[in-house]
C-alpha atoms as a PDB file:
ATOM      1  CA  MET A   1       0.000   0.000   0.000  1.00  0.00           C
ATOM      2  CA  PHE A   2       2.833   2.336   0.824  1.00  0.00           C
ATOM      3  CA  ALA A   3       4.384   1.656  -2.607  1.00  0.00           C
ATOM      4  CA  SER A   4       1.194   2.676  -4.463  1.00  0.00           C
ATOM      5  CA  VAL A   5       0.965   5.931  -2.482  1.00  0.00           C
ATOM      6  CA  GLN A   6       4.606   6.601  -3.229  1.00  0.00           C
ATOM      7  CA  LYS A   7       4.013   6.009  -6.981  1.00  0.00           C
ATOM      8  CA  ARG A   8       1.054   8.433  -6.943  1.00  0.00           C
ATOM      9  CA  MET A   9       3.155  11.050  -5.181  1.00  0.00           C
ATOM     10  CA  MET A  10       5.879  10.666  -7.814  1.00  0.00           C
ATOM     11  CA  LYS A  11       3.331  11.102 -10.616  1.00  0.00           C
ATOM     12  CA  VAL A  12       1.861  14.198  -8.968  1.00  0.00           C
ATOM     13  CA  SER A  13       5.352  15.628  -8.411  1.00  0.00           C
ATOM     14  CA  ALA A  14       6.290  14.995 -12.032  1.00  0.00           C
ATOM     15  CA  LEU A  15       3.077  16.668 -13.199  1.00  0.00           C
ATOM     16  CA  LEU A  16       3.734  19.676 -10.989  1.00  0.00           C
ATOM     17  CA  LEU A  17       7.227  19.987 -12.458  1.00  0.00           C
ATOM     18  CA  VAL A  18       6.066  19.709 -16.073  1.00  0.00           C
ATOM     19  CA  LEU A  19       2.895  21.829 -15.787  1.00  0.00           C
ATOM     20  CA  PRO A  20       4.669  25.230 -15.614  1.00  0.00           C
ATOM     21  CA  LEU A  21       6.663  24.334 -18.723  1.00  0.00           C
ATOM     22  CA  ILE A  22       3.504  23.425 -20.603  1.00  0.00           C
ATOM     23  CA  LEU A  23       1.758  26.622 -19.529  1.00  0.00           C
ATOM     24  CA  ALA A  24       4.766  28.746 -20.485  1.00  0.00           C
ATOM     25  CA  GLY A  25       4.794  27.142 -23.919  1.00  0.00           C
ATOM     26  CA  CYS A  26       1.105  27.912 -24.442  1.00  0.00           C
ATOM     27  CA  ALA A  27       1.331  31.536 -23.353  1.00  0.00           C
ATOM     28  CA  GLY A  28       1.189  34.178 -26.060  1.00  0.00           C
ATOM     29  CA  SER A  29       4.162  36.399 -26.637  1.00  0.00           C
ATOM     30  CA  ASP A  30       4.093  40.064 -25.663  1.00  0.00           C
ATOM     31  CA  ASP A  31       6.368  41.100 -28.505  1.00  0.00           C
ATOM     32  CA  THR A  32       3.567  41.375 -31.091  1.00  0.00           C
ATOM     33  CA  PRO A  33       4.019  44.784 -32.726  1.00  0.00           C
ATOM     34  CA  VAL A  34       1.105  47.177 -32.309  1.00  0.00           C
ATOM     35  CA  LEU A  35       0.205  50.587 -33.628  1.00  0.00           C
ATOM     36  CA  PRO A  36       0.342  53.347 -30.997  1.00  0.00           C
ATOM     37  CA  THR A  37      -2.876  54.356 -29.257  1.00  0.00           C
ATOM     38  CA  LYS A  38      -4.250  57.779 -30.181  1.00  0.00           C
ATOM     39  CA  SER A  39      -6.975  59.855 -28.589  1.00  0.00           C
ATOM     40  CA  TRP A  40      -9.728  62.247 -29.597  1.00  0.00           C
ATOM     41  CA  GLY A  41     -11.036  64.109 -26.590  1.00  0.00           C
ATOM     42  CA  ASP A  42     -11.763  61.424 -23.993  1.00  0.00           C
ATOM     43  CA  ILE A  43     -11.978  58.621 -26.591  1.00  0.00           C
ATOM     44  CA  GLU A  44      -8.906  56.395 -26.849  1.00  0.00           C
ATOM     45  CA  VAL A  45      -8.422  54.618 -30.169  1.00  0.00           C
ATOM     46  CA  THR A  46      -6.275  51.512 -30.614  1.00  0.00           C
ATOM     47  CA  VAL A  47      -5.798  49.693 -33.912  1.00  0.00           C
ATOM     48  CA  GLN A  48      -5.001  45.986 -34.055  1.00  0.00           C
ATOM     49  CA  THR A  49      -4.444  43.913 -37.163  1.00  0.00           C
ATOM     50  CA  ARG A  50      -5.165  40.369 -38.252  1.00  0.00           C
ATOM     51  CA  PRO A  51      -2.682  38.866 -38.986  1.00  0.00           C
ATOM     52  CA  PRO A  52      -0.726  40.612 -36.224  1.00  0.00           C
ATOM     53  CA  GLN A  53       2.206  41.490 -38.486  1.00  0.00           C
ATOM     54  CA  ILE A  54       1.192  43.620 -41.449  1.00  0.00           C
ATOM     55  CA  LYS A  55       2.150  42.363 -44.905  1.00  0.00           C
ATOM     56  CA  ALA A  56       1.076  43.497 -48.359  1.00  0.00           C
ATOM     57  CA  GLY A  57      -2.437  42.293 -49.188  1.00  0.00           C
ATOM     58  CA  MET A  58      -5.825  42.274 -47.511  1.00  0.00           C
ATOM     59  CA  ILE A  59      -5.514  42.972 -43.773  1.00  0.00           C
ATOM     60  CA  GLU A  60      -8.289  43.087 -41.199  1.00  0.00           C
ATOM     61  CA  PHE A  61      -8.096  46.206 -39.045  1.00  0.00           C
ATOM     62  CA  MET A  62      -9.826  46.195 -35.672  1.00  0.00           C
ATOM     63  CA  VAL A  63     -10.434  49.656 -34.248  1.00  0.00           C
ATOM     64  CA  LEU A  64     -10.940  49.481 -30.485  1.00  0.00           C
ATOM     65  CA  THR A  65     -12.498  52.566 -28.910  1.00  0.00           C
ATOM     66  CA  ALA A  66     -12.964  53.339 -25.246  1.00  0.00           C
ATOM     67  CA  VAL A  67     -14.004  56.395 -23.259  1.00  0.00           C
ATOM     68  CA  LYS A  68     -11.226  57.201 -20.786  1.00  0.00           C
ATOM     69  CA  GLY A  69      -9.836  53.696 -21.361  1.00  0.00           C
ATOM     70  CA  ARG A  70     -12.751  51.993 -19.591  1.00  0.00           C
ATOM     71  CA  LYS A  71     -16.205  52.312 -21.147  1.00  0.00           C
ATOM     72  CA  PRO A  72     -16.643  51.128 -24.765  1.00  0.00           C
ATOM     73  CA  ALA A  73     -17.348  53.973 -27.185  1.00  0.00           C
ATOM     74  CA  ASN A  74     -20.146  52.323 -29.139  1.00  0.00           C
ATOM     75  CA  ASP A  75     -21.883  55.464 -30.429  1.00  0.00           C
ATOM     76  CA  LEU A  76     -19.457  55.967 -33.322  1.00  0.00           C
ATOM     77  CA  VAL A  77     -19.449  55.513 -37.063  1.00  0.00           C
ATOM     78  CA  VAL A  78     -15.942  54.377 -38.031  1.00  0.00           C
ATOM     79  CA  THR A  79     -14.663  54.487 -41.591  1.00  0.00           C
ATOM     80  CA  LEU A  80     -11.215  53.502 -42.840  1.00  0.00           C
ATOM     81  CA  LYS A  81      -9.021  54.091 -45.859  1.00  0.00           C
ATOM     82  CA  MET A  82      -5.398  54.020 -46.851  1.00  0.00           C
ATOM     83  CA  GLU A  83      -3.996  57.455 -47.538  1.00  0.00           C
ATOM     84  CA  GLY A  84      -3.816  58.013 -51.286  1.00  0.00           C
ATOM     85  CA  THR A  85      -7.066  56.174 -51.993  1.00  0.00           C
ATOM     86  CA  GLN A  86     -10.281  58.085 -52.536  1.00  0.00           C
ATOM     87  CA  LYS A  87     -12.908  55.782 -51.061  1.00  0.00           C
ATOM     88  CA  TRP A  88     -13.749  55.549 -47.354  1.00  0.00           C
ATOM     89  CA  GLN A  89     -14.969  52.116 -46.214  1.00  0.00           C
ATOM     90  CA  GLN A  90     -17.294  51.876 -43.238  1.00  0.00           C
ATOM     91  CA  ALA A  91     -16.203  49.447 -40.535  1.00  0.00           C
ATOM     92  CA  ILE A  92     -18.652  46.951 -39.088  1.00  0.00           C
ATOM     93  CA  GLN A  93     -19.506  47.449 -35.428  1.00  0.00           C
ATOM     94  CA  ASP A  94     -18.809  44.256 -33.465  1.00  0.00           C
ATOM     95  CA  GLY A  95     -21.573  44.317 -30.853  1.00  0.00           C
ATOM     96  CA  PHE A  96     -21.619  47.158 -28.332  1.00  0.00           C
ATOM     97  CA  LEU A  97     -18.022  46.592 -27.240  1.00  0.00           C
ATOM     98  CA  GLY A  98     -16.458  49.588 -28.989  1.00  0.00           C
ATOM     99  CA  VAL A  99     -14.855  47.309 -31.590  1.00  0.00           C
ATOM    100  CA  TYR A 100     -15.105  48.056 -35.303  1.00  0.00           C
ATOM    101  CA  ARG A 101     -13.711  45.781 -38.055  1.00  0.00           C
ATOM    102  CA  ARG A 102     -12.868  46.227 -41.703  1.00  0.00           C
ATOM    103  CA  VAL A 103     -10.593  44.543 -44.242  1.00  0.00           C
ATOM    104  CA  VAL A 104      -8.473  47.000 -46.218  1.00  0.00           C
ATOM    105  CA  ASN A 105      -5.890  46.403 -48.945  1.00  0.00           C
ATOM    106  CA  VAL A 106      -2.332  47.266 -47.884  1.00  0.00           C
ATOM    107  CA  ARG A 107       0.029  47.886 -50.792  1.00  0.00           C
ATOM    108  CA  ASP A 108       3.265  48.784 -49.010  1.00  0.00           C
ATOM    109  CA  PRO A 109       3.413  48.250 -45.214  1.00  0.00           C
ATOM    110  CA  ALA A 110       6.536  50.406 -44.965  1.00  0.00           C
ATOM    111  CA  ARG A 111       4.859  53.457 -46.530  1.00  0.00           C
ATOM    112  CA  ASP A 112       1.072  53.153 -46.191  1.00  0.00           C
ATOM    113  CA  VAL A 113      -0.823  55.216 -43.634  1.00  0.00           C
ATOM    114  CA  LEU A 114      -4.197  54.083 -42.292  1.00  0.00           C
ATOM    115  CA  ALA A 115      -6.712  56.914 -41.924  1.00  0.00           C
ATOM    116  CA  VAL A 116      -9.468  56.293 -39.367  1.00  0.00           C
ATOM    117  CA  LYS A 117     -12.443  58.656 -39.448  1.00  0.00           C
ATOM    118  CA  LEU A 118     -14.545  58.716 -36.282  1.00  0.00           C
ATOM    119  CA  ARG A 119     -17.974  60.346 -36.242  1.00  0.00           C
ATOM    120  CA  ILE A 120     -20.216  60.470 -33.214  1.00  0.00           C
ATOM    121  CA  LYS A 121     -23.711  59.284 -34.156  1.00  0.00           C
ATOM    122  CA  LYS A 122     -26.454  61.928 -34.145  1.00  0.00           C
ATOM    123  CA  THR A 123     -23.909  64.775 -34.211  1.00  0.00           C
ATOM    124  CA  ASP A 124     -21.648  66.465 -36.723  1.00  0.00           C
ATOM    125  CA  LYS A 125     -18.516  65.895 -34.642  1.00  0.00           C
ATOM    126  CA  GLU A 126     -15.875  63.942 -36.485  1.00  0.00           C
ATOM    127  CA  LYS A 127     -12.121  63.459 -36.440  1.00  0.00           C
ATOM    128  CA  ILE A 128      -9.580  61.743 -38.674  1.00  0.00           C
ATOM    129  CA  LEU A 129      -6.685  59.951 -36.986  1.00  0.00           C
ATOM    130  CA  TYR A 130      -3.662  58.696 -38.902  1.00  0.00           C
ATOM    131  CA  PHE A 131      -1.784  55.485 -38.118  1.00  0.00           C
ATOM    132  CA  PRO A 132       1.461  55.027 -40.104  1.00  0.00           C
ATOM    133  CA  LEU A 133       1.866  51.300 -40.710  1.00  0.00           C
ATOM    134  CA  ALA A 134       5.636  51.793 -40.846  1.00  0.00           C
ATOM    135  CA  LEU A 135       5.648  52.052 -37.034  1.00  0.00           C
ATOM    136  CA  GLN A 136       4.412  48.472 -36.745  1.00  0.00           C
ATOM    137  CA  HIS A 137       6.423  47.297 -39.736  1.00  0.00           C
ATOM    138  CA  ALA A 138       9.668  48.632 -38.230  1.00  0.00           C
ATOM    139  CA  ALA A 139       8.861  47.095 -34.844  1.00  0.00           C
ATOM    140  CA  ALA A 140       8.167  43.725 -36.511  1.00  0.00           C
ATOM    141  CA  GLU A 141      11.460  43.823 -38.420  1.00  0.00           C
ATOM    142  CA  SER A 142      13.476  44.690 -35.316  1.00  0.00           C
ATOM    143  CA  ALA A 143      11.771  41.870 -33.382  1.00  0.00           C
ATOM    144  CA  THR A 144      12.791  39.294 -36.009  1.00  0.00           C
ATOM    145  CA  GLN A 145      16.431  40.370 -36.033  1.00  0.00           C
END
């Protein structure tokens, strides 16, 4: 009986030793390059991309908006375009979480600039924020070197 308890204790000990390694391997990395957060009044705007590292082609841009960094800003109309193109494309609101999504064609990640137009619904207040993709592109290149 003592031998079976001892075997169980060894298995539990081995699991406890291996578990942190498994969890560390599953954890996401914090070195994913991001575009800097910008603000308009008390609204903070963060842009994330899918895939996380921008390459030439169709890229999904997620515009995350929050009032004072806490409450989702869900009363906005968000439109996107690359500088140099004429047509604004309205982003789709993802629930009432202050998240807006749109796929936009990126020609040159080192030179393109994403323009994000925010308009508060039921008002005429609007603002255009510019996010140079080169900031993320440079951060991604330095991370791979």
